[in-house]
Amino acid sequence: MASHLSAAPVADSPLLTRLSREAIPTGTYFRTRTPAGARPLTSQQQHHNLQLLATASNRPKTVPDHDRTPLRCLTIRPPWSDLIAIEDDRVAKRIENRVWSTHWRGTLLIHAGAEVDLRATTLPYVRARLDDNYEPVRGAVVAVADLTGIHDDDGPCTFWSDPGCFHWELARVQRLTTPVPARGAQRLWRPTPKLLRQITDANPHLSGRLTAPYTAQGAGA
């Protein structure tokens, strides 16, 4: 009867730490050890591990917000961040997969992490949506979007949806013509007024979208 308490074997020992950071699509890190090397787990095994890890971390599924700032940032590893930054909704990634949820909704800055998911850059369906001379943008804000909703795993609601995750719904994506370097953080993080000024100075077309909420609530919001 103890089998339901053990996670399927994984090759990445710091898996729980990576899940806690939530800076990457988590499902790709589940691997089994075999004589031939690491192999992906089945979707059922991944879902099982996600449930166990959520219990082990002793965190609620919904993350409380500590202030009412109308803007947030989310760090995502390239190339996934660059796929979100594509403005053509027909080919872009408009679902972000997370093992946690939040009540917060609003304008969301897409921040590209410093670490590239090299495995993802070799996937045919990813390559087909990137330029032939694609170079990932790292350590910078690359797009602005609206987080319009989050729903539980409901199967492949889009081409990009992973099983066993909450599906974060993104809309009104605008790419930054000039990415702005920034240091990422865990979960949803709050952009500083300085970072927002740097973004709007380098990307004037976003001025109204990024400064209006602060104007309405005050610079100290």
N, C-alpha and C. Protein backbone atom coordinates (compact mmCIF):
# COMPACT_ATOMS: atom_id res chain seq x y z
N MET A 1 0.82 -1.21 0.00
CA MET A 1 0.00 0.00 0.00
C MET A 1 0.86 1.27 0.00
N ALA A 2 2.19 1.09 0.16
CA ALA A 2 3.04 2.28 0.26
C ALA A 2 3.34 2.90 -1.10
N SER A 3 3.01 2.20 -2.18
CA SER A 3 3.40 2.68 -3.50
C SER A 3 2.80 4.04 -3.82
N HIS A 4 1.60 4.33 -3.30
CA HIS A 4 0.97 5.60 -3.65
C HIS A 4 1.62 6.77 -2.93
N LEU A 5 2.57 6.50 -2.01
CA LEU A 5 3.25 7.57 -1.31
C LEU A 5 4.58 7.93 -1.94
N SER A 6 5.04 7.12 -2.91
CA SER A 6 6.33 7.40 -3.51
C SER A 6 6.19 8.01 -4.88
N ALA A 7 7.08 8.95 -5.15
CA ALA A 7 7.08 9.58 -6.47
C ALA A 7 7.79 8.67 -7.45
N ALA A 8 7.40 8.74 -8.71
CA ALA A 8 8.14 8.02 -9.75
C ALA A 8 9.57 8.54 -9.77
N PRO A 9 10.55 7.67 -10.09
CA PRO A 9 11.95 8.10 -10.02
C PRO A 9 12.25 9.25 -10.97
N VAL A 10 13.04 10.18 -10.52
CA VAL A 10 13.41 11.33 -11.34
C VAL A 10 14.92 11.46 -11.38
N ALA A 11 15.44 11.94 -12.49
CA ALA A 11 16.88 12.10 -12.64
C ALA A 11 17.36 13.40 -12.00
N ASP A 12 16.49 14.41 -11.93
CA ASP A 12 16.89 15.70 -11.39
C ASP A 12 16.69 15.71 -9.88
N SER A 13 17.76 15.67 -9.10
CA SER A 13 17.62 15.67 -7.65
C SER A 13 17.06 16.97 -7.10
N PRO A 14 17.36 18.16 -7.71
CA PRO A 14 16.79 19.40 -7.17
C PRO A 14 15.41 19.71 -7.73
N LEU A 15 14.63 18.69 -8.07
CA LEU A 15 13.34 18.91 -8.73
C LEU A 15 12.41 19.76 -7.87
N LEU A 16 12.33 19.46 -6.57
CA LEU A 16 11.42 20.21 -5.72
C LEU A 16 11.82 21.67 -5.65
N THR A 17 13.12 21.95 -5.62
CA THR A 17 13.60 23.33 -5.61
C THR A 17 13.20 24.05 -6.88
N ARG A 18 13.34 23.37 -8.02
CA ARG A 18 12.98 24.00 -9.30
C ARG A 18 11.48 24.27 -9.36
N LEU A 19 10.69 23.35 -8.82
CA LEU A 19 9.25 23.58 -8.80
C LEU A 19 8.92 24.77 -7.90
N SER A 20 9.63 24.90 -6.80
CA SER A 20 9.37 26.02 -5.90
C SER A 20 9.67 27.35 -6.58
N ARG A 21 10.72 27.39 -7.43
CA ARG A 21 11.03 28.63 -8.14
C ARG A 21 9.97 28.95 -9.19
N GLU A 22 9.45 27.92 -9.84
CA GLU A 22 8.41 28.09 -10.86
C GLU A 22 8.81 29.07 -11.95
N ALA A 23 10.06 29.00 -12.40
CA ALA A 23 10.50 29.89 -13.47
C ALA A 23 10.52 29.18 -14.81
N ILE A 24 10.00 27.96 -14.85
CA ILE A 24 10.08 27.16 -16.07
C ILE A 24 8.84 26.29 -16.20
N PRO A 25 8.50 25.82 -17.41
CA PRO A 25 7.46 24.81 -17.54
C PRO A 25 7.96 23.53 -16.86
N THR A 26 7.24 23.06 -15.84
CA THR A 26 7.79 22.05 -14.96
C THR A 26 7.80 20.64 -15.55
N GLY A 27 6.81 20.30 -16.35
CA GLY A 27 6.69 18.91 -16.78
C GLY A 27 7.90 18.37 -17.51
N THR A 28 8.65 19.22 -18.19
CA THR A 28 9.80 18.76 -18.97
C THR A 28 10.92 18.22 -18.11
N TYR A 29 10.88 18.47 -16.79
CA TYR A 29 11.96 18.02 -15.94
C TYR A 29 11.74 16.65 -15.34
N PHE A 30 10.62 16.03 -15.61
CA PHE A 30 10.38 14.69 -15.10
C PHE A 30 11.05 13.68 -16.01
N ARG A 31 11.97 12.91 -15.44
CA ARG A 31 12.70 11.90 -16.20
C ARG A 31 12.86 10.63 -15.39
N THR A 32 12.83 9.46 -16.01
CA THR A 32 13.16 8.21 -15.36
C THR A 32 14.59 7.83 -15.71
N ARG A 33 15.24 7.09 -14.83
CA ARG A 33 16.59 6.60 -15.11
C ARG A 33 16.49 5.22 -15.75
N THR A 34 17.14 5.04 -16.86
CA THR A 34 17.19 3.75 -17.54
C THR A 34 18.63 3.49 -17.95
N PRO A 35 18.98 2.23 -18.27
CA PRO A 35 20.35 1.96 -18.72
C PRO A 35 20.74 2.79 -19.94
N ALA A 36 19.76 3.15 -20.76
CA ALA A 36 20.05 3.92 -21.97
C ALA A 36 20.11 5.43 -21.70
N GLY A 37 19.82 5.83 -20.45
CA GLY A 37 19.81 7.26 -20.14
C GLY A 37 18.47 7.69 -19.57
N ALA A 38 18.28 9.01 -19.46
CA ALA A 38 17.04 9.54 -18.90
C ALA A 38 15.94 9.55 -19.96
N ARG A 39 14.76 9.11 -19.55
CA ARG A 39 13.61 9.10 -20.45
C ARG A 39 12.45 9.82 -19.78
N PRO A 40 11.57 10.45 -20.58
CA PRO A 40 10.43 11.17 -19.99
C PRO A 40 9.48 10.21 -19.28
N LEU A 41 8.84 10.72 -18.22
CA LEU A 41 7.78 9.97 -17.57
C LEU A 41 6.51 10.07 -18.40
N THR A 42 5.59 9.18 -18.15
CA THR A 42 4.28 9.28 -18.78
C THR A 42 3.53 10.47 -18.19
N SER A 43 2.49 10.92 -18.86
CA SER A 43 1.71 12.05 -18.34
C SER A 43 1.07 11.68 -17.01
N GLN A 44 0.69 10.39 -16.83
CA GLN A 44 0.11 9.97 -15.56
C GLN A 44 1.15 10.05 -14.44
N GLN A 45 2.39 9.65 -14.72
CA GLN A 45 3.45 9.75 -13.72
C GLN A 45 3.76 11.20 -13.38
N GLN A 46 3.77 12.05 -14.41
CA GLN A 46 4.02 13.47 -14.17
C GLN A 46 2.95 14.05 -13.27
N HIS A 47 1.69 13.74 -13.57
CA HIS A 47 0.58 14.27 -12.77
C HIS A 47 0.70 13.78 -11.33
N HIS A 48 1.07 12.50 -11.15
CA HIS A 48 1.24 11.92 -9.83
C HIS A 48 2.34 12.65 -9.07
N ASN A 49 3.47 12.91 -9.73
CA ASN A 49 4.56 13.62 -9.08
C ASN A 49 4.16 15.04 -8.70
N LEU A 50 3.42 15.71 -9.57
CA LEU A 50 3.00 17.07 -9.28
C LEU A 50 2.12 17.10 -8.02
N GLN A 51 1.24 16.13 -7.89
CA GLN A 51 0.38 16.07 -6.71
C GLN A 51 1.20 15.85 -5.44
N LEU A 52 2.16 14.93 -5.52
CA LEU A 52 3.00 14.65 -4.36
C LEU A 52 3.86 15.84 -3.97
N LEU A 53 4.42 16.51 -4.98
CA LEU A 53 5.29 17.64 -4.70
C LEU A 53 4.50 18.83 -4.14
N ALA A 54 3.28 19.01 -4.62
CA ALA A 54 2.44 20.08 -4.09
C ALA A 54 2.13 19.82 -2.62
N THR A 55 1.90 18.54 -2.27
CA THR A 55 1.65 18.18 -0.88
C THR A 55 2.90 18.37 -0.04
N ALA A 56 4.05 17.92 -0.58
CA ALA A 56 5.30 18.02 0.16
C ALA A 56 5.70 19.45 0.43
N SER A 57 5.40 20.34 -0.51
CA SER A 57 5.78 21.74 -0.34
C SER A 57 4.89 22.46 0.65
N ASN A 58 3.74 21.84 0.99
CA ASN A 58 2.83 22.40 1.99
C ASN A 58 2.41 23.82 1.66
N ARG A 59 2.14 24.07 0.37
CA ARG A 59 1.73 25.38 -0.08
C ARG A 59 0.31 25.32 -0.62
N PRO A 60 -0.51 26.31 -0.37
CA PRO A 60 -1.84 26.32 -0.99
C PRO A 60 -1.73 26.51 -2.49
N LYS A 61 -2.73 26.02 -3.21
CA LYS A 61 -2.70 26.15 -4.67
C LYS A 61 -2.85 27.59 -5.11
N THR A 62 -3.54 28.38 -4.31
CA THR A 62 -3.73 29.78 -4.67
C THR A 62 -2.77 30.64 -3.88
N VAL A 63 -1.97 31.42 -4.57
CA VAL A 63 -0.95 32.24 -3.94
C VAL A 63 -1.56 33.58 -3.53
N PRO A 64 -1.45 33.96 -2.25
CA PRO A 64 -2.02 35.24 -1.84
C PRO A 64 -1.23 36.41 -2.40
N ASP A 65 -1.91 37.51 -2.64
CA ASP A 65 -1.24 38.73 -3.08
C ASP A 65 -1.08 39.65 -1.88
N HIS A 66 0.10 40.26 -1.75
CA HIS A 66 0.40 41.08 -0.60
C HIS A 66 0.20 42.57 -0.86
N ASP A 67 -0.13 42.94 -2.07
CA ASP A 67 -0.44 44.33 -2.36
C ASP A 67 -1.33 44.36 -3.60
N ARG A 68 -1.78 45.55 -3.94
CA ARG A 68 -2.73 45.69 -5.05
C ARG A 68 -2.07 46.29 -6.28
N THR A 69 -0.76 46.16 -6.40
CA THR A 69 -0.07 46.69 -7.56
C THR A 69 -0.68 46.12 -8.83
N PRO A 70 -1.05 46.95 -9.80
CA PRO A 70 -1.75 46.45 -10.98
C PRO A 70 -0.87 45.78 -12.01
N LEU A 71 0.44 45.70 -11.77
CA LEU A 71 1.34 45.05 -12.71
C LEU A 71 2.14 43.97 -12.00
N ARG A 72 2.43 42.90 -12.74
CA ARG A 72 3.29 41.85 -12.22
C ARG A 72 4.23 41.39 -13.33
N CYS A 73 5.27 40.67 -12.95
CA CYS A 73 6.19 40.04 -13.90
C CYS A 73 6.21 38.53 -13.65
N LEU A 74 6.50 37.78 -14.70
CA LEU A 74 6.64 36.33 -14.59
C LEU A 74 7.88 35.93 -15.38
N THR A 75 8.79 35.21 -14.72
CA THR A 75 10.02 34.76 -15.37
C THR A 75 9.79 33.39 -16.01
N ILE A 76 10.13 33.28 -17.29
CA ILE A 76 9.92 32.06 -18.06
C ILE A 76 11.18 31.79 -18.86
N ARG A 77 11.60 30.55 -18.92
CA ARG A 77 12.82 30.24 -19.66
C ARG A 77 12.60 30.34 -21.16
N PRO A 78 13.59 30.88 -21.89
CA PRO A 78 13.55 30.80 -23.35
C PRO A 78 13.78 29.34 -23.76
N PRO A 79 13.21 28.90 -24.88
CA PRO A 79 12.51 29.69 -25.89
C PRO A 79 11.04 29.94 -25.59
N TRP A 80 10.53 29.40 -24.46
CA TRP A 80 9.10 29.55 -24.17
C TRP A 80 8.71 31.02 -24.05
N SER A 81 9.58 31.84 -23.46
CA SER A 81 9.29 33.27 -23.35
C SER A 81 9.21 33.93 -24.72
N ASP A 82 10.09 33.52 -25.63
CA ASP A 82 10.06 34.09 -26.98
C ASP A 82 8.83 33.62 -27.76
N LEU A 83 8.36 32.42 -27.48
CA LEU A 83 7.15 31.92 -28.14
C LEU A 83 5.92 32.69 -27.67
N ILE A 84 5.92 33.12 -26.42
CA ILE A 84 4.83 33.96 -25.92
C ILE A 84 4.90 35.34 -26.56
N ALA A 85 6.12 35.83 -26.76
CA ALA A 85 6.30 37.19 -27.30
C ALA A 85 5.87 37.32 -28.76
N ILE A 86 5.66 36.21 -29.45
CA ILE A 86 5.16 36.28 -30.83
C ILE A 86 3.77 36.91 -30.81
N GLU A 87 3.54 37.88 -31.65
CA GLU A 87 2.26 38.61 -31.61
C GLU A 87 1.16 37.95 -32.42
N ASP A 88 1.49 37.04 -33.29
CA ASP A 88 0.50 36.33 -34.09
C ASP A 88 -0.13 35.23 -33.24
N ASP A 89 -1.38 35.44 -32.82
CA ASP A 89 -2.05 34.49 -31.93
C ASP A 89 -2.21 33.11 -32.55
N ARG A 90 -2.14 33.03 -33.87
CA ARG A 90 -2.35 31.73 -34.53
C ARG A 90 -1.20 30.77 -34.28
N VAL A 91 -0.02 31.27 -34.02
CA VAL A 91 1.14 30.39 -33.82
C VAL A 91 1.79 30.59 -32.45
N ALA A 92 1.45 31.66 -31.75
CA ALA A 92 2.11 31.99 -30.49
C ALA A 92 1.63 31.09 -29.35
N LYS A 93 2.42 31.06 -28.31
CA LYS A 93 2.06 30.33 -27.08
C LYS A 93 1.21 31.25 -26.22
N ARG A 94 -0.02 30.87 -26.00
CA ARG A 94 -0.93 31.70 -25.22
C ARG A 94 -1.41 31.01 -23.94
N ILE A 95 -0.81 29.87 -23.63
CA ILE A 95 -1.04 29.19 -22.35
C ILE A 95 0.31 29.01 -21.68
N GLU A 96 0.41 29.44 -20.43
CA GLU A 96 1.60 29.18 -19.61
C GLU A 96 1.22 28.13 -18.56
N ASN A 97 2.03 27.09 -18.44
CA ASN A 97 1.72 25.97 -17.55
C ASN A 97 2.42 26.15 -16.22
N ARG A 98 1.65 26.08 -15.13
CA ARG A 98 2.18 26.24 -13.77
C ARG A 98 1.53 25.21 -12.85
N VAL A 99 2.21 24.87 -11.76
CA VAL A 99 1.61 23.95 -10.79
C VAL A 99 0.94 24.72 -9.65
N TRP A 100 0.82 26.01 -9.78
CA TRP A 100 0.15 26.82 -8.77
C TRP A 100 -0.73 27.85 -9.48
N SER A 101 -1.66 28.41 -8.71
CA SER A 101 -2.61 29.37 -9.26
C SER A 101 -2.56 30.65 -8.43
N THR A 102 -3.28 31.66 -8.88
CA THR A 102 -3.38 32.93 -8.16
C THR A 102 -4.69 33.60 -8.53
N HIS A 103 -5.21 34.41 -7.61
CA HIS A 103 -6.41 35.19 -7.91
C HIS A 103 -6.09 36.44 -8.73
N TRP A 104 -4.81 36.81 -8.76
CA TRP A 104 -4.43 38.06 -9.42
C TRP A 104 -4.69 37.97 -10.92
N ARG A 105 -5.18 39.07 -11.49
CA ARG A 105 -5.36 39.21 -12.93
C ARG A 105 -4.92 40.62 -13.32
N GLY A 106 -4.36 40.76 -14.50
CA GLY A 106 -3.97 42.09 -14.93
C GLY A 106 -2.85 42.07 -15.94
N THR A 107 -2.17 43.20 -16.06
CA THR A 107 -1.08 43.35 -17.02
C THR A 107 0.16 42.63 -16.51
N LEU A 108 0.69 41.75 -17.34
CA LEU A 108 1.78 40.87 -16.93
C LEU A 108 2.98 41.06 -17.86
N LEU A 109 4.13 41.40 -17.28
CA LEU A 109 5.36 41.48 -18.06
C LEU A 109 5.96 40.09 -18.19
N ILE A 110 6.34 39.72 -19.40
CA ILE A 110 6.97 38.43 -19.65
C ILE A 110 8.48 38.63 -19.61
N HIS A 111 9.11 38.00 -18.62
CA HIS A 111 10.56 38.14 -18.43
C HIS A 111 11.24 36.84 -18.84
N ALA A 112 12.23 36.93 -19.72
CA ALA A 112 12.99 35.76 -20.16
C ALA A 112 14.08 35.46 -19.14
N GLY A 113 14.09 34.22 -18.65
CA GLY A 113 15.11 33.83 -17.69
C GLY A 113 16.49 33.76 -18.32
N ALA A 114 17.50 33.65 -17.47
CA ALA A 114 18.89 33.60 -17.95
C ALA A 114 19.25 32.22 -18.49
N GLU A 115 18.53 31.20 -18.06
CA GLU A 115 18.83 29.83 -18.47
C GLU A 115 17.91 29.40 -19.60
N VAL A 116 18.49 28.85 -20.65
CA VAL A 116 17.73 28.42 -21.83
C VAL A 116 17.36 26.95 -21.69
N ASP A 117 16.13 26.62 -22.06
CA ASP A 117 15.72 25.22 -22.13
C ASP A 117 16.24 24.65 -23.45
N LEU A 118 17.43 24.11 -23.42
CA LEU A 118 18.08 23.64 -24.65
C LEU A 118 17.30 22.52 -25.31
N ARG A 119 16.69 21.67 -24.52
CA ARG A 119 15.91 20.58 -25.10
C ARG A 119 14.78 21.14 -25.95
N ALA A 120 14.13 22.19 -25.45
CA ALA A 120 12.99 22.75 -26.17
C ALA A 120 13.41 23.34 -27.51
N THR A 121 14.63 23.88 -27.58
CA THR A 121 15.07 24.50 -28.84
C THR A 121 15.26 23.48 -29.95
N THR A 122 15.27 22.19 -29.61
CA THR A 122 15.44 21.15 -30.64
C THR A 122 14.12 20.53 -31.06
N LEU A 123 13.02 20.88 -30.40
CA LEU A 123 11.73 20.28 -30.72
C LEU A 123 11.23 20.83 -32.05
N PRO A 124 10.79 19.95 -32.96
CA PRO A 124 10.35 20.42 -34.29
C PRO A 124 9.23 21.45 -34.23
N TYR A 125 8.25 21.26 -33.33
CA TYR A 125 7.12 22.19 -33.30
C TYR A 125 7.53 23.55 -32.72
N VAL A 126 8.60 23.56 -31.92
CA VAL A 126 9.13 24.84 -31.44
C VAL A 126 9.94 25.51 -32.54
N ARG A 127 10.83 24.75 -33.18
CA ARG A 127 11.66 25.31 -34.24
C ARG A 127 10.81 25.88 -35.37
N ALA A 128 9.68 25.24 -35.65
CA ALA A 128 8.83 25.69 -36.76
C ALA A 128 8.26 27.08 -36.51
N ARG A 129 8.21 27.50 -35.26
CA ARG A 129 7.63 28.80 -34.91
C ARG A 129 8.68 29.87 -34.63
N LEU A 130 9.96 29.49 -34.76
CA LEU A 130 11.04 30.44 -34.52
C LEU A 130 11.81 30.68 -35.81
N ASP A 131 12.46 31.83 -35.91
CA ASP A 131 13.26 32.14 -37.09
C ASP A 131 14.41 31.14 -37.25
N ASP A 132 14.84 30.96 -38.48
CA ASP A 132 15.94 30.03 -38.75
C ASP A 132 17.21 30.44 -38.00
N ASN A 133 17.41 31.73 -37.85
CA ASN A 133 18.61 32.23 -37.15
C ASN A 133 18.29 32.63 -35.72
N TYR A 134 17.34 31.94 -35.12
CA TYR A 134 16.87 32.27 -33.78
C TYR A 134 17.99 32.29 -32.74
N GLU A 135 18.03 33.39 -31.99
CA GLU A 135 18.92 33.52 -30.85
C GLU A 135 18.05 33.90 -29.65
N PRO A 136 18.01 33.08 -28.60
CA PRO A 136 17.13 33.38 -27.47
C PRO A 136 17.50 34.68 -26.77
N VAL A 137 16.49 35.41 -26.36
CA VAL A 137 16.70 36.59 -25.52
C VAL A 137 16.72 36.11 -24.08
N ARG A 138 17.75 36.47 -23.34
CA ARG A 138 17.91 35.98 -21.98
C ARG A 138 18.06 37.14 -21.00
N GLY A 139 17.50 36.95 -19.82
CA GLY A 139 17.67 37.94 -18.77
C GLY A 139 17.10 39.30 -19.10
N ALA A 140 15.91 39.33 -19.70
CA ALA A 140 15.32 40.61 -20.10
C ALA A 140 13.80 40.48 -20.20
N VAL A 141 13.11 41.59 -20.05
CA VAL A 141 11.68 41.64 -20.31
C VAL A 141 11.48 41.67 -21.81
N VAL A 142 10.66 40.76 -22.35
CA VAL A 142 10.52 40.63 -23.80
C VAL A 142 9.12 40.95 -24.30
N ALA A 143 8.13 40.98 -23.41
CA ALA A 143 6.76 41.21 -23.88
C ALA A 143 5.88 41.65 -22.72
N VAL A 144 4.73 42.19 -23.07
CA VAL A 144 3.71 42.52 -22.09
C VAL A 144 2.43 41.83 -22.53
N ALA A 145 1.68 41.28 -21.57
CA ALA A 145 0.46 40.53 -21.87
C ALA A 145 -0.57 40.82 -20.79
N ASP A 146 -1.77 40.32 -20.99
CA ASP A 146 -2.79 40.33 -19.95
C ASP A 146 -3.00 38.91 -19.47
N LEU A 147 -2.95 38.70 -18.16
CA LEU A 147 -3.37 37.42 -17.58
C LEU A 147 -4.86 37.51 -17.36
N THR A 148 -5.62 36.84 -18.22
CA THR A 148 -7.07 37.00 -18.21
C THR A 148 -7.80 35.90 -17.46
N GLY A 149 -7.13 34.77 -17.21
CA GLY A 149 -7.79 33.69 -16.50
C GLY A 149 -6.83 32.54 -16.24
N ILE A 150 -7.24 31.66 -15.33
CA ILE A 150 -6.49 30.45 -15.02
C ILE A 150 -7.51 29.33 -14.81
N HIS A 151 -7.26 28.19 -15.43
CA HIS A 151 -8.16 27.06 -15.21
C HIS A 151 -7.37 25.79 -14.94
N ASP A 152 -8.04 24.84 -14.27
CA ASP A 152 -7.41 23.56 -13.98
C ASP A 152 -7.14 22.80 -15.27
N ASP A 153 -6.30 21.78 -15.16
CA ASP A 153 -6.01 20.91 -16.30
C ASP A 153 -7.32 20.38 -16.88
N ASP A 154 -7.58 20.73 -18.11
CA ASP A 154 -8.79 20.27 -18.79
C ASP A 154 -8.42 19.55 -20.09
N GLY A 155 -7.21 18.96 -20.09
CA GLY A 155 -6.76 18.31 -21.31
C GLY A 155 -6.05 19.31 -22.20
N PRO A 156 -5.85 18.95 -23.46
CA PRO A 156 -5.14 19.85 -24.40
C PRO A 156 -6.04 20.97 -24.88
N CYS A 157 -6.30 21.96 -24.00
CA CYS A 157 -7.17 23.07 -24.41
C CYS A 157 -6.52 23.88 -25.51
N THR A 158 -5.18 23.85 -25.56
CA THR A 158 -4.46 24.43 -26.68
C THR A 158 -3.29 23.50 -27.00
N PHE A 159 -2.63 23.79 -28.08
CA PHE A 159 -1.47 23.01 -28.50
C PHE A 159 -0.39 23.02 -27.44
N TRP A 160 -0.31 24.09 -26.63
CA TRP A 160 0.79 24.29 -25.69
C TRP A 160 0.48 23.80 -24.28
N SER A 161 -0.71 23.29 -24.03
CA SER A 161 -1.13 22.95 -22.67
C SER A 161 -0.49 21.64 -22.20
N ASP A 162 0.08 21.67 -20.98
CA ASP A 162 0.68 20.48 -20.38
C ASP A 162 -0.31 19.85 -19.40
N PRO A 163 -0.32 18.51 -19.32
CA PRO A 163 -1.19 17.85 -18.35
C PRO A 163 -0.69 18.05 -16.93
N GLY A 164 -1.62 18.01 -15.98
CA GLY A 164 -1.25 18.11 -14.58
C GLY A 164 -0.89 19.50 -14.11
N CYS A 165 -1.19 20.53 -14.91
CA CYS A 165 -0.83 21.91 -14.56
C CYS A 165 -2.06 22.80 -14.58
N PHE A 166 -1.94 23.94 -13.93
CA PHE A 166 -2.90 25.01 -14.15
C PHE A 166 -2.52 25.70 -15.46
N HIS A 167 -3.52 26.06 -16.24
CA HIS A 167 -3.30 26.69 -17.53
C HIS A 167 -3.60 28.19 -17.41
N TRP A 168 -2.55 28.99 -17.50
CA TRP A 168 -2.67 30.45 -17.39
C TRP A 168 -2.96 31.01 -18.78
N GLU A 169 -4.04 31.76 -18.90
CA GLU A 169 -4.51 32.26 -20.19
C GLU A 169 -3.96 33.67 -20.43
N LEU A 170 -3.23 33.82 -21.54
CA LEU A 170 -2.61 35.10 -21.88
C LEU A 170 -3.28 35.72 -23.10
N ALA A 171 -3.41 37.03 -23.10
CA ALA A 171 -4.04 37.74 -24.22
C ALA A 171 -3.38 39.11 -24.38
N ARG A 172 -3.69 39.76 -25.51
CA ARG A 172 -3.19 41.11 -25.82
C ARG A 172 -1.68 41.20 -25.69
N VAL A 173 -1.00 40.26 -26.25
CA VAL A 173 0.46 40.23 -26.14
C VAL A 173 1.09 41.26 -27.08
N GLN A 174 2.00 42.04 -26.54
CA GLN A 174 2.80 42.98 -27.34
C GLN A 174 4.28 42.71 -27.09
N ARG A 175 5.02 42.54 -28.15
CA ARG A 175 6.46 42.31 -28.03
C ARG A 175 7.18 43.63 -27.78
N LEU A 176 8.20 43.60 -26.95
CA LEU A 176 9.06 44.76 -26.80
C LEU A 176 9.99 44.81 -28.01
N THR A 177 9.98 45.93 -28.72
CA THR A 177 10.91 46.06 -29.84
C THR A 177 12.36 46.08 -29.35
N THR A 178 12.55 46.58 -28.13
CA THR A 178 13.86 46.58 -27.50
C THR A 178 13.74 45.90 -26.13
N PRO A 179 14.15 44.64 -26.02
CA PRO A 179 14.09 43.97 -24.71
C PRO A 179 14.90 44.74 -23.67
N VAL A 180 14.42 44.72 -22.44
CA VAL A 180 15.07 45.48 -21.37
C VAL A 180 15.64 44.51 -20.33
N PRO A 181 16.96 44.55 -20.12
CA PRO A 181 17.58 43.64 -19.15
C PRO A 181 16.99 43.81 -17.76
N ALA A 182 16.78 42.70 -17.09
CA ALA A 182 16.25 42.72 -15.73
C ALA A 182 16.56 41.38 -15.07
N ARG A 183 16.64 41.42 -13.77
CA ARG A 183 16.87 40.21 -13.01
C ARG A 183 15.53 39.59 -12.65
N GLY A 184 15.38 38.29 -12.85
CA GLY A 184 14.13 37.62 -12.57
C GLY A 184 13.95 37.32 -11.10
N ALA A 185 12.79 36.74 -10.78
CA ALA A 185 12.47 36.38 -9.41
C ALA A 185 11.48 35.23 -9.42
N GLN A 186 11.16 34.73 -8.25
CA GLN A 186 10.25 33.61 -8.14
C GLN A 186 8.81 34.08 -8.28
N ARG A 187 7.98 33.16 -8.78
CA ARG A 187 6.54 33.37 -8.87
C ARG A 187 6.20 34.69 -9.55
N LEU A 188 5.08 35.30 -9.17
CA LEU A 188 4.75 36.62 -9.70
C LEU A 188 5.54 37.65 -8.92
N TRP A 189 6.27 38.50 -9.62
CA TRP A 189 7.04 39.51 -8.90
C TRP A 189 6.69 40.90 -9.40
N ARG A 190 6.95 41.87 -8.54
CA ARG A 190 6.51 43.24 -8.78
C ARG A 190 7.62 44.04 -9.47
N PRO A 191 7.32 44.64 -10.61
CA PRO A 191 8.33 45.46 -11.29
C PRO A 191 8.55 46.77 -10.54
N THR A 192 9.78 47.23 -10.53
CA THR A 192 10.07 48.51 -9.89
C THR A 192 9.70 49.65 -10.83
N PRO A 193 9.42 50.83 -10.28
CA PRO A 193 9.18 52.00 -11.15
C PRO A 193 10.34 52.25 -12.11
N LYS A 194 11.57 52.00 -11.64
CA LYS A 194 12.73 52.19 -12.51
C LYS A 194 12.68 51.27 -13.71
N LEU A 195 12.33 50.00 -13.49
CA LEU A 195 12.24 49.04 -14.60
C LEU A 195 11.15 49.47 -15.58
N LEU A 196 10.03 49.92 -15.07
CA LEU A 196 8.95 50.36 -15.96
C LEU A 196 9.38 51.57 -16.79
N ARG A 197 10.11 52.49 -16.18
CA ARG A 197 10.61 53.65 -16.94
C ARG A 197 11.58 53.20 -18.04
N GLN A 198 12.44 52.25 -17.71
CA GLN A 198 13.38 51.75 -18.71
C GLN A 198 12.65 51.10 -19.87
N ILE A 199 11.58 50.37 -19.57
CA ILE A 199 10.82 49.71 -20.63
C ILE A 199 10.14 50.73 -21.52
N THR A 200 9.49 51.72 -20.92
CA THR A 200 8.76 52.70 -21.73
C THR A 200 9.70 53.64 -22.46
N ASP A 201 10.87 53.93 -21.88
CA ASP A 201 11.85 54.76 -22.59
C ASP A 201 12.34 54.05 -23.84
N ALA A 202 12.57 52.75 -23.74
CA ALA A 202 13.07 51.99 -24.88
C ALA A 202 11.96 51.55 -25.83
N ASN A 203 10.72 51.54 -25.33
CA ASN A 203 9.58 51.07 -26.12
C ASN A 203 8.41 52.04 -25.93
N PRO A 204 8.48 53.22 -26.55
CA PRO A 204 7.45 54.25 -26.34
C PRO A 204 6.04 53.78 -26.65
N HIS A 205 5.89 52.79 -27.55
CA HIS A 205 4.54 52.33 -27.91
C HIS A 205 3.83 51.67 -26.73
N LEU A 206 4.57 51.36 -25.64
CA LEU A 206 3.96 50.73 -24.47
C LEU A 206 3.69 51.71 -23.34
N SER A 207 4.00 52.98 -23.56
CA SER A 207 3.89 53.97 -22.48
C SER A 207 2.51 54.02 -21.86
N GLY A 208 1.48 54.12 -22.69
CA GLY A 208 0.13 54.21 -22.16
C GLY A 208 -0.28 52.97 -21.38
N ARG A 209 0.12 51.84 -21.87
CA ARG A 209 -0.30 50.58 -21.24
C ARG A 209 0.37 50.35 -19.89
N LEU A 210 1.62 50.79 -19.75
CA LEU A 210 2.37 50.50 -18.53
C LEU A 210 2.34 51.62 -17.51
N THR A 211 2.10 52.85 -17.93
CA THR A 211 2.12 53.95 -16.97
C THR A 211 0.73 54.31 -16.47
N ALA A 212 -0.32 54.03 -17.23
CA ALA A 212 -1.67 54.42 -16.83
C ALA A 212 -2.08 53.85 -15.48
N PRO A 213 -1.85 52.55 -15.20
CA PRO A 213 -2.25 52.03 -13.89
C PRO A 213 -1.56 52.72 -12.73
N TYR A 214 -0.28 53.08 -12.90
CA TYR A 214 0.43 53.76 -11.83
C TYR A 214 -0.04 55.19 -11.67
N THR A 215 -0.38 55.83 -12.78
CA THR A 215 -0.91 57.18 -12.71
C THR A 215 -2.21 57.21 -11.94
N ALA A 216 -3.02 56.18 -12.16
CA ALA A 216 -4.33 56.12 -11.51
C ALA A 216 -4.23 55.85 -10.02
N GLN A 217 -3.21 55.04 -9.60
CA GLN A 217 -3.14 54.65 -8.21
C GLN A 217 -2.05 55.38 -7.44
N GLY A 218 -1.19 56.09 -8.16
CA GLY A 218 -0.11 56.79 -7.48
C GLY A 218 1.18 56.03 -7.60
N ALA A 219 2.29 56.75 -7.61
CA ALA A 219 3.60 56.11 -7.80
C ALA A 219 3.93 55.19 -6.66
N GLY A 220 3.36 55.37 -5.49
CA GLY A 220 3.71 54.51 -4.37
C GLY A 220 2.85 53.27 -4.27
N ALA A 221 2.00 53.00 -5.25
CA ALA A 221 1.09 51.86 -5.17
C ALA A 221 1.87 50.57 -5.18
